[in-house]
Amino acid sequence: MLLTIDLDGEVPIYQQIRDRVVEAIADGDLVEGSALPSTRQLAADLAINFHTVNKAYDLLRQQGVIRINRKSGAVVRRDPASGPAEAGFAEEWQARLRTLLAEATVHGLGEQETLRQCGEVLDSFGTRKGRTPT
């Protein structure tokens, strides 16, 4: 798994790690059962504190994206094809989406441009490739 993070960016490093893992799952690069590097290994690879990676993994675990156990380490728990999301996910996701759409509105993106860009992002995910657009 190749992660690209910006050590000097405004987004916290743990959030960048979380986001890149979620994107890798959506792209089909990580599938259900895929093992993630240990916190210490990923921290060493990225030259960051392992507590930062631990925070990202814990967030992913809380969100139901990975499972962590002492024997197998961190493993992808689900992929997009594994069925509907857990109860409550849609409401939480909609709250975050509201903020992103508010940002687009504040910066002057119109409805059609916003929808076009959303469609492009959805179509870019590897797990959607080969499907007919909905």
N, C-alpha and C. Protein backbone atom coordinates (compact mmCIF):
# COMPACT_ATOMS: atom_id res chain seq x y z
N MET A 1 0.85 -1.17 0.00
CA MET A 1 0.00 0.00 0.00
C MET A 1 0.89 1.23 0.00
N LEU A 2 0.65 2.11 -0.94
CA LEU A 2 1.43 3.33 -1.06
C LEU A 2 0.58 4.50 -0.58
N LEU A 3 1.05 5.16 0.49
CA LEU A 3 0.34 6.31 1.04
C LEU A 3 1.13 7.57 0.73
N THR A 4 0.43 8.58 0.30
CA THR A 4 1.05 9.88 0.10
C THR A 4 0.44 10.84 1.10
N ILE A 5 1.27 11.39 1.96
CA ILE A 5 0.79 12.34 2.94
C ILE A 5 1.63 13.61 2.86
N ASP A 6 1.04 14.70 3.31
CA ASP A 6 1.71 15.99 3.31
C ASP A 6 2.03 16.34 4.76
N LEU A 7 3.29 16.19 5.14
CA LEU A 7 3.69 16.44 6.52
C LEU A 7 3.53 17.90 6.92
N ASP A 8 3.50 18.80 5.95
CA ASP A 8 3.37 20.23 6.24
C ASP A 8 1.97 20.76 5.94
N GLY A 9 1.05 19.88 5.59
CA GLY A 9 -0.30 20.31 5.23
C GLY A 9 -1.14 20.70 6.44
N GLU A 10 -2.28 21.29 6.15
CA GLU A 10 -3.20 21.72 7.21
C GLU A 10 -3.99 20.55 7.79
N VAL A 11 -4.19 19.49 7.01
CA VAL A 11 -4.94 18.32 7.48
C VAL A 11 -4.01 17.49 8.37
N PRO A 12 -4.48 17.13 9.58
CA PRO A 12 -3.64 16.33 10.48
C PRO A 12 -3.19 15.03 9.80
N ILE A 13 -2.00 14.59 10.15
CA ILE A 13 -1.42 13.41 9.51
C ILE A 13 -2.29 12.17 9.74
N TYR A 14 -2.82 12.00 10.95
CA TYR A 14 -3.66 10.82 11.21
C TYR A 14 -4.89 10.83 10.31
N GLN A 15 -5.44 12.02 10.04
CA GLN A 15 -6.61 12.13 9.17
C GLN A 15 -6.23 11.81 7.73
N GLN A 16 -5.04 12.25 7.30
CA GLN A 16 -4.57 11.93 5.96
C GLN A 16 -4.41 10.42 5.78
N ILE A 17 -3.86 9.74 6.80
CA ILE A 17 -3.70 8.29 6.73
C ILE A 17 -5.06 7.63 6.61
N ARG A 18 -5.99 8.05 7.47
CA ARG A 18 -7.35 7.51 7.44
C ARG A 18 -7.97 7.70 6.06
N ASP A 19 -7.85 8.91 5.53
CA ASP A 19 -8.45 9.22 4.23
C ASP A 19 -7.83 8.38 3.11
N ARG A 20 -6.50 8.21 3.12
CA ARG A 20 -5.85 7.44 2.06
C ARG A 20 -6.25 5.97 2.13
N VAL A 21 -6.43 5.42 3.32
CA VAL A 21 -6.86 4.02 3.44
C VAL A 21 -8.27 3.87 2.89
N VAL A 22 -9.18 4.78 3.26
CA VAL A 22 -10.55 4.72 2.75
C VAL A 22 -10.55 4.84 1.23
N GLU A 23 -9.75 5.74 0.68
CA GLU A 23 -9.67 5.91 -0.77
C GLU A 23 -9.12 4.64 -1.44
N ALA A 24 -8.13 4.00 -0.81
CA ALA A 24 -7.57 2.77 -1.38
C ALA A 24 -8.61 1.66 -1.43
N ILE A 25 -9.48 1.62 -0.43
CA ILE A 25 -10.57 0.63 -0.43
C ILE A 25 -11.55 0.96 -1.54
N ALA A 26 -11.94 2.23 -1.66
CA ALA A 26 -12.88 2.65 -2.70
C ALA A 26 -12.30 2.41 -4.10
N ASP A 27 -10.99 2.58 -4.24
CA ASP A 27 -10.33 2.35 -5.53
C ASP A 27 -10.17 0.88 -5.86
N GLY A 28 -10.38 0.02 -4.86
CA GLY A 28 -10.20 -1.42 -5.08
C GLY A 28 -8.77 -1.88 -4.85
N ASP A 29 -7.90 -0.99 -4.39
CA ASP A 29 -6.52 -1.37 -4.11
C ASP A 29 -6.42 -2.20 -2.83
N LEU A 30 -7.34 -1.98 -1.90
CA LEU A 30 -7.44 -2.78 -0.69
C LEU A 30 -8.84 -3.39 -0.67
N VAL A 31 -8.91 -4.68 -0.44
CA VAL A 31 -10.19 -5.37 -0.39
C VAL A 31 -10.38 -6.00 0.98
N GLU A 32 -11.58 -6.45 1.24
CA GLU A 32 -11.87 -7.10 2.51
C GLU A 32 -10.84 -8.20 2.77
N GLY A 33 -10.25 -8.17 3.96
CA GLY A 33 -9.24 -9.16 4.34
C GLY A 33 -7.81 -8.71 4.09
N SER A 34 -7.62 -7.61 3.38
CA SER A 34 -6.26 -7.10 3.13
C SER A 34 -5.64 -6.65 4.45
N ALA A 35 -4.41 -7.06 4.66
CA ALA A 35 -3.68 -6.65 5.87
C ALA A 35 -3.05 -5.29 5.65
N LEU A 36 -3.11 -4.46 6.68
CA LEU A 36 -2.43 -3.17 6.66
C LEU A 36 -1.11 -3.32 7.39
N PRO A 37 -0.14 -2.46 7.11
CA PRO A 37 1.13 -2.52 7.83
C PRO A 37 0.88 -2.28 9.33
N SER A 38 1.77 -2.81 10.15
CA SER A 38 1.65 -2.54 11.58
C SER A 38 1.84 -1.04 11.82
N THR A 39 1.36 -0.58 12.97
CA THR A 39 1.50 0.85 13.27
C THR A 39 2.97 1.25 13.30
N ARG A 40 3.78 0.40 13.89
CA ARG A 40 5.22 0.72 13.97
C ARG A 40 5.88 0.72 12.59
N GLN A 41 5.50 -0.23 11.75
CA GLN A 41 6.08 -0.30 10.41
C GLN A 41 5.68 0.90 9.57
N LEU A 42 4.39 1.25 9.59
CA LEU A 42 3.93 2.38 8.79
C LEU A 42 4.54 3.68 9.32
N ALA A 43 4.64 3.80 10.64
CA ALA A 43 5.26 4.99 11.22
C ALA A 43 6.72 5.11 10.77
N ALA A 44 7.44 3.99 10.77
CA ALA A 44 8.83 4.01 10.33
C ALA A 44 8.92 4.38 8.84
N ASP A 45 8.02 3.80 8.03
CA ASP A 45 8.03 4.08 6.59
C ASP A 45 7.76 5.56 6.30
N LEU A 46 6.86 6.16 7.11
CA LEU A 46 6.50 7.56 6.90
C LEU A 46 7.34 8.53 7.72
N ALA A 47 8.20 7.99 8.57
CA ALA A 47 9.05 8.78 9.46
C ALA A 47 8.21 9.68 10.37
N ILE A 48 7.19 9.06 10.99
CA ILE A 48 6.33 9.77 11.92
C ILE A 48 6.20 8.95 13.20
N ASN A 49 5.59 9.52 14.22
CA ASN A 49 5.37 8.84 15.49
C ASN A 49 4.33 7.75 15.32
N PHE A 50 4.57 6.58 15.92
CA PHE A 50 3.64 5.47 15.75
C PHE A 50 2.29 5.76 16.40
N HIS A 51 2.25 6.66 17.38
CA HIS A 51 0.98 7.03 17.99
C HIS A 51 0.06 7.72 16.97
N THR A 52 0.64 8.41 16.00
CA THR A 52 -0.13 9.06 14.95
C THR A 52 -0.82 8.00 14.08
N VAL A 53 -0.09 6.97 13.72
CA VAL A 53 -0.67 5.88 12.94
C VAL A 53 -1.71 5.16 13.77
N ASN A 54 -1.41 4.95 15.04
CA ASN A 54 -2.36 4.28 15.93
C ASN A 54 -3.68 5.06 15.99
N LYS A 55 -3.60 6.38 16.03
CA LYS A 55 -4.80 7.21 16.07
C LYS A 55 -5.61 7.03 14.78
N ALA A 56 -4.92 6.98 13.64
CA ALA A 56 -5.61 6.77 12.36
C ALA A 56 -6.28 5.40 12.32
N TYR A 57 -5.57 4.37 12.74
CA TYR A 57 -6.12 3.02 12.75
C TYR A 57 -7.30 2.92 13.71
N ASP A 58 -7.19 3.58 14.86
CA ASP A 58 -8.29 3.53 15.82
C ASP A 58 -9.53 4.21 15.23
N LEU A 59 -9.34 5.30 14.53
CA LEU A 59 -10.46 5.98 13.88
C LEU A 59 -11.10 5.08 12.82
N LEU A 60 -10.28 4.41 12.03
CA LEU A 60 -10.79 3.47 11.02
C LEU A 60 -11.54 2.32 11.69
N ARG A 61 -11.05 1.85 12.82
CA ARG A 61 -11.71 0.78 13.56
C ARG A 61 -13.06 1.24 14.08
N GLN A 62 -13.09 2.43 14.66
CA GLN A 62 -14.35 2.98 15.18
C GLN A 62 -15.38 3.15 14.07
N GLN A 63 -14.92 3.45 12.88
CA GLN A 63 -15.81 3.67 11.74
C GLN A 63 -16.18 2.37 11.04
N GLY A 64 -15.68 1.25 11.53
CA GLY A 64 -16.03 -0.05 10.97
C GLY A 64 -15.34 -0.40 9.68
N VAL A 65 -14.24 0.30 9.36
CA VAL A 65 -13.54 0.07 8.11
C VAL A 65 -12.51 -1.04 8.25
N ILE A 66 -11.86 -1.12 9.40
CA ILE A 66 -10.88 -2.18 9.66
C ILE A 66 -11.20 -2.86 10.98
N ARG A 67 -10.61 -4.02 11.18
CA ARG A 67 -10.65 -4.67 12.48
C ARG A 67 -9.21 -4.89 12.91
N ILE A 68 -9.01 -4.86 14.19
CA ILE A 68 -7.65 -4.99 14.73
C ILE A 68 -7.67 -6.08 15.79
N ASN A 69 -6.75 -7.03 15.66
CA ASN A 69 -6.56 -7.98 16.74
C ASN A 69 -5.08 -8.31 16.86
N ARG A 70 -4.72 -8.85 17.99
CA ARG A 70 -3.30 -9.08 18.28
C ARG A 70 -2.65 -10.07 17.32
N LYS A 71 -3.41 -11.02 16.86
CA LYS A 71 -2.84 -12.06 16.01
C LYS A 71 -2.61 -11.60 14.57
N SER A 72 -3.65 -11.01 13.97
CA SER A 72 -3.55 -10.67 12.55
C SER A 72 -3.28 -9.20 12.29
N GLY A 73 -3.27 -8.37 13.32
CA GLY A 73 -3.02 -6.94 13.13
C GLY A 73 -4.22 -6.25 12.55
N ALA A 74 -3.99 -5.19 11.79
CA ALA A 74 -5.07 -4.41 11.18
C ALA A 74 -5.42 -5.00 9.82
N VAL A 75 -6.70 -5.28 9.64
CA VAL A 75 -7.19 -5.92 8.42
C VAL A 75 -8.44 -5.17 7.94
N VAL A 76 -8.54 -4.99 6.62
CA VAL A 76 -9.72 -4.34 6.06
C VAL A 76 -10.94 -5.20 6.38
N ARG A 77 -11.94 -4.55 6.95
CA ARG A 77 -13.14 -5.26 7.41
C ARG A 77 -14.18 -5.40 6.32
N ARG A 78 -14.27 -4.42 5.46
CA ARG A 78 -15.32 -4.47 4.45
C ARG A 78 -14.85 -3.75 3.19
N ASP A 79 -15.48 -4.09 2.10
CA ASP A 79 -15.27 -3.34 0.87
C ASP A 79 -16.64 -2.90 0.35
N PRO A 80 -16.67 -2.05 -0.66
CA PRO A 80 -17.95 -1.51 -1.11
C PRO A 80 -18.95 -2.57 -1.56
N ALA A 81 -18.47 -3.74 -1.97
CA ALA A 81 -19.38 -4.76 -2.47
C ALA A 81 -19.96 -5.63 -1.36
N SER A 82 -19.58 -5.37 -0.11
CA SER A 82 -19.99 -6.27 0.98
C SER A 82 -21.37 -5.95 1.54
N GLY A 83 -22.08 -5.04 0.94
CA GLY A 83 -23.45 -4.81 1.38
C GLY A 83 -23.66 -3.43 1.96
N PRO A 84 -24.86 -3.21 2.49
CA PRO A 84 -25.20 -1.88 3.00
C PRO A 84 -24.38 -1.50 4.22
N ALA A 85 -24.26 -0.19 4.41
CA ALA A 85 -23.49 0.36 5.53
C ALA A 85 -24.20 0.07 6.86
N GLU A 86 -23.42 0.19 7.93
CA GLU A 86 -23.97 0.00 9.26
C GLU A 86 -24.99 1.08 9.58
N ALA A 87 -25.87 0.77 10.51
CA ALA A 87 -26.88 1.74 10.94
C ALA A 87 -26.20 3.00 11.45
N GLY A 88 -26.73 4.13 11.08
CA GLY A 88 -26.21 5.41 11.53
C GLY A 88 -25.14 6.00 10.63
N PHE A 89 -24.56 5.19 9.75
CA PHE A 89 -23.51 5.71 8.89
C PHE A 89 -24.03 6.82 7.99
N ALA A 90 -25.18 6.61 7.35
CA ALA A 90 -25.70 7.58 6.38
C ALA A 90 -25.92 8.94 7.02
N GLU A 91 -26.42 8.97 8.24
CA GLU A 91 -26.67 10.24 8.91
C GLU A 91 -25.36 10.97 9.21
N GLU A 92 -24.38 10.24 9.71
CA GLU A 92 -23.08 10.85 10.02
C GLU A 92 -22.41 11.35 8.74
N TRP A 93 -22.47 10.53 7.70
CA TRP A 93 -21.86 10.90 6.42
C TRP A 93 -22.55 12.13 5.84
N GLN A 94 -23.87 12.21 5.95
CA GLN A 94 -24.60 13.35 5.41
C GLN A 94 -24.19 14.64 6.12
N ALA A 95 -23.92 14.56 7.41
CA ALA A 95 -23.48 15.75 8.14
C ALA A 95 -22.13 16.24 7.61
N ARG A 96 -21.21 15.30 7.34
CA ARG A 96 -19.91 15.69 6.78
C ARG A 96 -20.08 16.22 5.36
N LEU A 97 -20.96 15.58 4.60
CA LEU A 97 -21.22 16.01 3.22
C LEU A 97 -21.79 17.43 3.21
N ARG A 98 -22.64 17.73 4.15
CA ARG A 98 -23.23 19.07 4.24
C ARG A 98 -22.14 20.13 4.35
N THR A 99 -21.12 19.84 5.15
CA THR A 99 -20.02 20.79 5.31
C THR A 99 -19.24 20.94 4.00
N LEU A 100 -18.96 19.84 3.32
CA LEU A 100 -18.24 19.92 2.04
C LEU A 100 -19.04 20.70 1.00
N LEU A 101 -20.34 20.45 0.95
CA LEU A 101 -21.17 21.18 -0.01
C LEU A 101 -21.29 22.65 0.35
N ALA A 102 -21.29 22.94 1.65
CA ALA A 102 -21.30 24.34 2.08
C ALA A 102 -20.02 25.04 1.62
N GLU A 103 -18.88 24.35 1.73
CA GLU A 103 -17.61 24.92 1.26
C GLU A 103 -17.68 25.21 -0.24
N ALA A 104 -18.23 24.28 -1.01
CA ALA A 104 -18.36 24.50 -2.45
C ALA A 104 -19.22 25.72 -2.73
N THR A 105 -20.31 25.86 -2.01
CA THR A 105 -21.22 27.00 -2.19
C THR A 105 -20.53 28.31 -1.83
N VAL A 106 -19.84 28.33 -0.70
CA VAL A 106 -19.14 29.53 -0.24
C VAL A 106 -18.09 29.98 -1.25
N HIS A 107 -17.48 29.02 -1.92
CA HIS A 107 -16.43 29.35 -2.89
C HIS A 107 -16.97 29.53 -4.31
N GLY A 108 -18.31 29.56 -4.43
CA GLY A 108 -18.91 29.93 -5.70
C GLY A 108 -19.15 28.81 -6.70
N LEU A 109 -18.99 27.56 -6.31
CA LEU A 109 -19.30 26.48 -7.25
C LEU A 109 -20.82 26.34 -7.34
N GLY A 110 -21.31 26.32 -8.55
CA GLY A 110 -22.74 26.16 -8.76
C GLY A 110 -23.17 24.72 -8.58
N GLU A 111 -24.47 24.52 -8.56
CA GLU A 111 -25.03 23.18 -8.34
C GLU A 111 -24.57 22.19 -9.41
N GLN A 112 -24.66 22.58 -10.67
CA GLN A 112 -24.29 21.67 -11.76
C GLN A 112 -22.80 21.31 -11.71
N GLU A 113 -21.95 22.31 -11.44
CA GLU A 113 -20.51 22.05 -11.35
C GLU A 113 -20.21 21.13 -10.17
N THR A 114 -20.87 21.36 -9.05
CA THR A 114 -20.68 20.52 -7.87
C THR A 114 -21.09 19.08 -8.17
N LEU A 115 -22.25 18.91 -8.78
CA LEU A 115 -22.72 17.57 -9.13
C LEU A 115 -21.80 16.90 -10.14
N ARG A 116 -21.30 17.67 -11.11
CA ARG A 116 -20.38 17.11 -12.11
C ARG A 116 -19.13 16.60 -11.43
N GLN A 117 -18.57 17.40 -10.53
CA GLN A 117 -17.35 16.99 -9.84
C GLN A 117 -17.59 15.79 -8.94
N CYS A 118 -18.74 15.75 -8.28
CA CYS A 118 -19.08 14.58 -7.45
C CYS A 118 -19.13 13.33 -8.33
N GLY A 119 -19.77 13.44 -9.49
CA GLY A 119 -19.85 12.31 -10.41
C GLY A 119 -18.48 11.85 -10.88
N GLU A 120 -17.60 12.80 -11.18
CA GLU A 120 -16.24 12.45 -11.62
C GLU A 120 -15.50 11.69 -10.52
N VAL A 121 -15.63 12.15 -9.30
CA VAL A 121 -14.94 11.47 -8.19
C VAL A 121 -15.49 10.06 -8.03
N LEU A 122 -16.81 9.92 -8.02
CA LEU A 122 -17.41 8.59 -7.88
C LEU A 122 -16.96 7.66 -9.01
N ASP A 123 -16.94 8.18 -10.22
CA ASP A 123 -16.54 7.37 -11.37
C ASP A 123 -15.06 7.00 -11.35
N SER A 124 -14.26 7.75 -10.60
CA SER A 124 -12.82 7.47 -10.55
C SER A 124 -12.48 6.27 -9.67
N PHE A 125 -13.39 5.88 -8.78
CA PHE A 125 -13.10 4.77 -7.89
C PHE A 125 -13.09 3.46 -8.66
N GLY A 126 -12.04 2.69 -8.44
CA GLY A 126 -11.87 1.42 -9.13
C GLY A 126 -13.00 0.46 -8.89
N THR A 127 -13.64 0.54 -7.74
CA THR A 127 -14.74 -0.38 -7.46
C THR A 127 -15.97 -0.07 -8.30
N ARG A 128 -16.02 1.11 -8.91
CA ARG A 128 -17.15 1.49 -9.76
C ARG A 128 -16.85 1.26 -11.24
N LYS A 129 -15.59 1.11 -11.59
CA LYS A 129 -15.22 0.96 -13.00
C LYS A 129 -15.89 -0.29 -13.57
N GLY A 130 -16.39 -0.16 -14.74
CA GLY A 130 -17.07 -1.27 -15.39
C GLY A 130 -18.56 -1.29 -15.10
N ARG A 131 -19.01 -0.47 -14.16
CA ARG A 131 -20.44 -0.36 -13.89
C ARG A 131 -21.02 0.73 -14.76
N THR A 132 -22.29 0.60 -15.05
CA THR A 132 -22.95 1.67 -15.80
C THR A 132 -23.29 2.79 -14.83
N PRO A 133 -23.09 4.05 -15.24
CA PRO A 133 -23.40 5.17 -14.35
C PRO A 133 -24.86 5.16 -13.93
N THR A 134 -25.09 5.56 -12.67
CA THR A 134 -26.46 5.61 -12.16
C THR A 134 -26.94 7.03 -12.10
